[in-house]
C-alpha cells in the first residue's frame, strides 16, 4: 500500500495553524482512497441506514465538509 498524492487542500491550506492533525484525503497507488478523520464508529453505527453495513475491520470516520469540497476538483471522474 502506497500513498500517491493528497487529494484536495492540505490542512495548512485549510487554515490549520499547525498543519499537524486535521482531516485529510489521499489517493493510493491501487486507486483507492485513504481518509484521516475523527473516529465516530460507535456513535454513527446505530444511525446507518438499513441498506448499509460495516465489517468488523471497518471504521466510520468524519471529515469536515470543507475537506471534502476542496478535494472534489482532484477526484478523478473514472
Protein backbone atom coordinates (compact mmCIF):
# COMPACT_ATOMS: atom_id res chain seq x y z
CA UNK A 1 0.00 0.00 0.00
CA UNK A 2 1.41 3.37 -1.00
CA UNK A 3 0.12 6.95 -0.95
CA UNK A 4 0.40 8.53 -4.39
CA UNK A 5 -0.92 12.02 -3.66
CA UNK A 6 -3.01 14.22 -1.41
CA UNK A 7 -6.50 14.90 -2.74
CA UNK A 8 -7.56 18.48 -2.10
CA UNK A 9 -6.00 21.18 0.02
CA UNK A 10 -3.51 20.43 2.77
CA UNK A 11 -4.56 21.06 6.38
CA UNK A 12 -2.37 24.17 6.44
CA UNK A 13 -4.10 25.48 3.28
CA UNK A 14 -7.45 24.92 5.02
CA UNK A 15 -6.38 27.06 7.99
CA UNK A 16 -4.83 24.59 10.43
CA UNK A 17 -2.30 26.60 12.43
CA UNK A 18 -0.01 23.63 12.98
CA UNK A 19 -0.91 21.56 9.92
CA UNK A 20 -0.30 18.54 12.11
CA UNK A 21 -3.68 16.99 12.93
CA UNK A 22 -6.55 17.63 10.57
CA UNK A 23 -8.79 15.61 8.26
CA UNK A 24 -7.07 14.61 5.03
CA UNK A 25 -7.72 12.51 1.92
CA UNK A 26 -5.11 10.57 -0.03
CA UNK A 27 -5.20 8.58 -3.27
CA UNK A 28 -3.44 5.22 -3.06
CA UNK A 29 -1.38 3.51 -5.74
CA UNK A 30 -4.17 0.97 -6.37
CA UNK A 31 -6.72 3.76 -7.00
CA UNK A 32 -8.43 3.51 -3.60
CA UNK A 33 -8.60 6.44 -1.19
CA UNK A 34 -7.46 6.71 2.43
CA UNK A 35 -9.08 9.19 4.81
CA UNK A 36 -7.83 10.69 8.06
CA UNK A 37 -10.79 11.74 10.15
CA UNK A 38 -12.38 11.75 13.56
CA UNK A 39 -13.34 8.22 14.67
CA UNK A 40 -17.12 8.01 15.04
CA UNK A 41 -17.96 4.33 14.62
CA UNK A 42 -19.68 3.83 17.96
CA UNK A 43 -21.78 6.98 17.62
CA UNK A 44 -22.81 6.51 13.98
CA UNK A 45 -23.07 2.72 13.63
CA UNK A 46 -26.65 2.67 15.00
CA UNK A 47 -27.56 5.51 12.61
CA UNK A 48 -26.59 3.64 9.44
CA UNK A 49 -29.50 3.10 7.02
CA UNK A 50 -30.88 -0.44 6.80
CA UNK A 51 -29.19 -0.99 3.43
CA UNK A 52 -25.72 -0.05 4.76
CA UNK A 53 -23.32 -2.34 6.56
CA UNK A 54 -19.90 -2.12 8.17
CA UNK A 55 -17.50 -5.02 8.53
CA UNK A 56 -15.73 -5.54 11.87
CA UNK A 57 -12.47 -4.28 10.36
CA UNK A 58 -14.08 -1.07 9.02
CA UNK A 59 -14.48 2.20 10.89
CA UNK A 60 -16.68 5.23 10.34
CA UNK A 61 -14.71 8.47 10.31
CA UNK A 62 -15.80 12.06 9.97
CA UNK A 63 -14.08 14.63 7.81
CA UNK A 64 -15.12 18.24 7.58
CA UNK A 65 -17.34 19.45 4.77
CA UNK A 66 -14.58 21.85 3.69
CA UNK A 67 -12.10 18.96 3.39
CA UNK A 68 -14.35 17.06 1.01
CA UNK A 69 -15.47 20.08 -1.00
CA UNK A 70 -11.88 21.22 -1.53
CA UNK A 71 -10.94 17.69 -2.63
CA UNK A 72 -13.71 17.48 -5.22
CA UNK A 73 -11.64 19.05 -8.01
CA UNK A 74 -8.88 16.47 -7.51
CA UNK A 75 -11.10 13.37 -7.50
CA UNK A 76 -11.00 11.68 -10.91
CA UNK A 77 -14.26 11.03 -12.77
CA UNK A 78 -13.17 7.49 -13.62
